[in-house]
């Protein structure tokens, strides 16, 4: 089967432009950001706890 490269390239470009044109974050994007923030907060809490333990040992 012969594939028309111009047609495939055009479709890929149009699809990527359509995806890039979405200005609003969807619910999955927002959920991912919430998870990222929670993980970052947890990491900072662990670092703080380690610092407190190190300070107590001095």
N, C-alpha and C. Protein backbone atom coordinates (compact mmCIF):
# COMPACT_ATOMS: atom_id res chain seq x y z
N UNK A 1 0.85 -1.17 0.00
CA UNK A 1 0.00 0.00 0.00
C UNK A 1 0.90 1.24 0.00
N UNK A 2 0.63 2.13 -0.93
CA UNK A 2 1.42 3.34 -1.05
C UNK A 2 0.78 4.44 -0.19
N UNK A 3 1.60 5.07 0.65
CA UNK A 3 1.11 6.11 1.54
C UNK A 3 1.50 7.47 0.96
N UNK A 4 0.54 8.34 0.89
CA UNK A 4 0.80 9.68 0.40
C UNK A 4 1.43 10.49 1.55
N UNK A 5 2.73 10.75 1.45
CA UNK A 5 3.47 11.41 2.53
C UNK A 5 2.95 12.83 2.79
N UNK A 6 2.57 13.53 1.75
CA UNK A 6 2.06 14.89 1.94
C UNK A 6 0.76 14.88 2.74
N UNK A 7 -0.10 13.93 2.45
CA UNK A 7 -1.38 13.84 3.16
C UNK A 7 -1.14 13.50 4.63
N UNK A 8 -0.25 12.56 4.90
CA UNK A 8 0.05 12.17 6.27
C UNK A 8 0.67 13.33 7.03
N UNK A 9 1.62 14.02 6.40
CA UNK A 9 2.26 15.17 7.04
C UNK A 9 1.26 16.27 7.34
N UNK A 10 0.37 16.52 6.41
CA UNK A 10 -0.67 17.55 6.61
C UNK A 10 -1.59 17.17 7.77
N UNK A 11 -2.00 15.92 7.82
CA UNK A 11 -2.87 15.47 8.91
C UNK A 11 -2.18 15.58 10.27
N UNK A 12 -0.92 15.21 10.32
CA UNK A 12 -0.18 15.30 11.58
C UNK A 12 -0.04 16.75 12.01
N UNK A 13 0.27 17.64 11.10
CA UNK A 13 0.40 19.05 11.43
C UNK A 13 -0.92 19.65 11.90
N UNK A 14 -2.00 19.32 11.22
CA UNK A 14 -3.31 19.83 11.62
C UNK A 14 -3.71 19.30 12.99
N UNK A 15 -3.43 18.04 13.25
CA UNK A 15 -3.77 17.46 14.55
C UNK A 15 -2.96 18.12 15.66
N UNK A 16 -1.68 18.36 15.42
CA UNK A 16 -0.85 18.99 16.45
C UNK A 16 -1.27 20.43 16.68
N UNK A 17 -1.66 21.13 15.64
CA UNK A 17 -2.14 22.50 15.82
C UNK A 17 -3.45 22.52 16.59
N UNK A 18 -4.30 21.55 16.34
CA UNK A 18 -5.57 21.46 17.06
C UNK A 18 -5.35 21.19 18.54
N UNK A 19 -4.39 20.33 18.86
CA UNK A 19 -4.10 20.05 20.26
C UNK A 19 -3.43 21.23 20.94
N UNK A 20 -2.56 21.90 20.23
CA UNK A 20 -1.86 23.05 20.81
C UNK A 20 -2.79 24.23 21.00
N UNK A 21 -3.90 24.24 20.29
CA UNK A 21 -4.82 25.36 20.36
C UNK A 21 -5.77 25.31 21.54
N UNK A 22 -5.70 24.26 22.36
CA UNK A 22 -6.58 24.16 23.52
C UNK A 22 -6.03 25.00 24.67
N UNK A 23 -6.65 26.13 24.96
CA UNK A 23 -6.10 27.01 25.98
C UNK A 23 -6.40 26.55 27.41
N UNK A 24 -7.48 25.79 27.60
CA UNK A 24 -7.89 25.39 28.94
C UNK A 24 -7.31 24.03 29.29
N UNK A 25 -6.93 23.89 30.57
CA UNK A 25 -6.48 22.59 31.05
C UNK A 25 -7.70 21.70 31.26
N UNK A 26 -7.57 20.48 30.86
CA UNK A 26 -8.66 19.53 31.07
C UNK A 26 -8.61 18.97 32.48
N UNK A 27 -9.58 18.17 32.83
CA UNK A 27 -9.63 17.62 34.18
C UNK A 27 -8.44 16.71 34.51
N UNK A 28 -7.93 16.00 33.52
CA UNK A 28 -6.78 15.13 33.78
C UNK A 28 -5.52 15.96 34.02
N UNK A 29 -5.37 17.06 33.30
CA UNK A 29 -4.23 17.95 33.50
C UNK A 29 -4.27 18.54 34.91
N UNK A 30 -5.45 18.97 35.32
CA UNK A 30 -5.60 19.54 36.66
C UNK A 30 -5.34 18.48 37.73
N UNK A 31 -5.81 17.26 37.51
CA UNK A 31 -5.56 16.18 38.47
C UNK A 31 -4.07 15.88 38.56
N UNK A 32 -3.39 15.88 37.43
CA UNK A 32 -1.95 15.65 37.42
C UNK A 32 -1.20 16.72 38.17
N UNK A 33 -1.62 17.97 37.99
CA UNK A 33 -0.97 19.07 38.71
C UNK A 33 -1.20 18.94 40.21
N UNK A 34 -2.39 18.51 40.61
CA UNK A 34 -2.70 18.31 42.03
C UNK A 34 -1.81 17.22 42.63
N UNK A 35 -1.62 16.14 41.89
CA UNK A 35 -0.77 15.05 42.35
C UNK A 35 0.68 15.53 42.46
N UNK A 36 1.14 16.28 41.47
CA UNK A 36 2.50 16.82 41.51
C UNK A 36 2.71 17.71 42.73
N UNK A 37 1.74 18.58 43.01
CA UNK A 37 1.85 19.47 44.16
C UNK A 37 1.86 18.68 45.46
N UNK A 38 1.03 17.64 45.55
CA UNK A 38 0.98 16.82 46.77
C UNK A 38 2.31 16.10 46.98
N UNK A 39 2.88 15.57 45.91
CA UNK A 39 4.17 14.88 46.02
C UNK A 39 5.27 15.85 46.43
N UNK A 40 5.24 17.04 45.87
CA UNK A 40 6.24 18.05 46.23
C UNK A 40 6.09 18.46 47.70
N UNK A 41 4.86 18.65 48.15
CA UNK A 41 4.61 19.00 49.55
C UNK A 41 5.09 17.88 50.48
N UNK A 42 4.84 16.63 50.11
CA UNK A 42 5.26 15.50 50.93
C UNK A 42 6.78 15.44 51.00
N UNK A 43 7.45 15.68 49.88
CA UNK A 43 8.91 15.68 49.86
C UNK A 43 9.48 16.77 50.75
N UNK A 44 8.87 17.94 50.71
CA UNK A 44 9.33 19.05 51.55
C UNK A 44 9.10 18.73 53.03
N UNK A 45 7.99 18.07 53.35
CA UNK A 45 7.70 17.69 54.73
C UNK A 45 8.74 16.69 55.24
N UNK A 46 9.15 15.76 54.40
CA UNK A 46 10.17 14.79 54.78
C UNK A 46 11.50 15.50 55.01
N UNK A 47 11.86 16.42 54.12
CA UNK A 47 13.10 17.17 54.29
C UNK A 47 13.08 17.96 55.59
N UNK A 48 11.95 18.58 55.90
CA UNK A 48 11.83 19.34 57.14
C UNK A 48 11.98 18.42 58.36
N UNK A 49 11.37 17.24 58.29
CA UNK A 49 11.46 16.29 59.39
C UNK A 49 12.90 15.83 59.60
N UNK A 50 13.61 15.58 58.51
CA UNK A 50 15.01 15.17 58.60
C UNK A 50 15.84 16.29 59.21
N UNK A 51 15.59 17.53 58.78
CA UNK A 51 16.31 18.67 59.35
C UNK A 51 16.04 18.79 60.84
N UNK A 52 14.79 18.59 61.26
CA UNK A 52 14.44 18.67 62.68
C UNK A 52 15.16 17.59 63.49
N UNK A 53 15.22 16.39 62.93
CA UNK A 53 15.91 15.29 63.62
C UNK A 53 17.40 15.58 63.72
N UNK A 54 17.98 16.09 62.64
CA UNK A 54 19.41 16.43 62.67
C UNK A 54 19.69 17.53 63.67
N UNK A 55 18.82 18.52 63.73
CA UNK A 55 19.00 19.62 64.68
C UNK A 55 18.85 19.14 66.12
N UNK A 56 17.97 18.19 66.36
CA UNK A 56 17.76 17.67 67.71
C UNK A 56 18.96 16.87 68.18
N UNK A 57 19.68 16.28 67.23
CA UNK A 57 20.84 15.46 67.58
C UNK A 57 22.09 16.27 67.84
N UNK A 58 22.07 17.56 67.61
CA UNK A 58 23.26 18.40 67.80
C UNK A 58 23.39 18.86 69.21
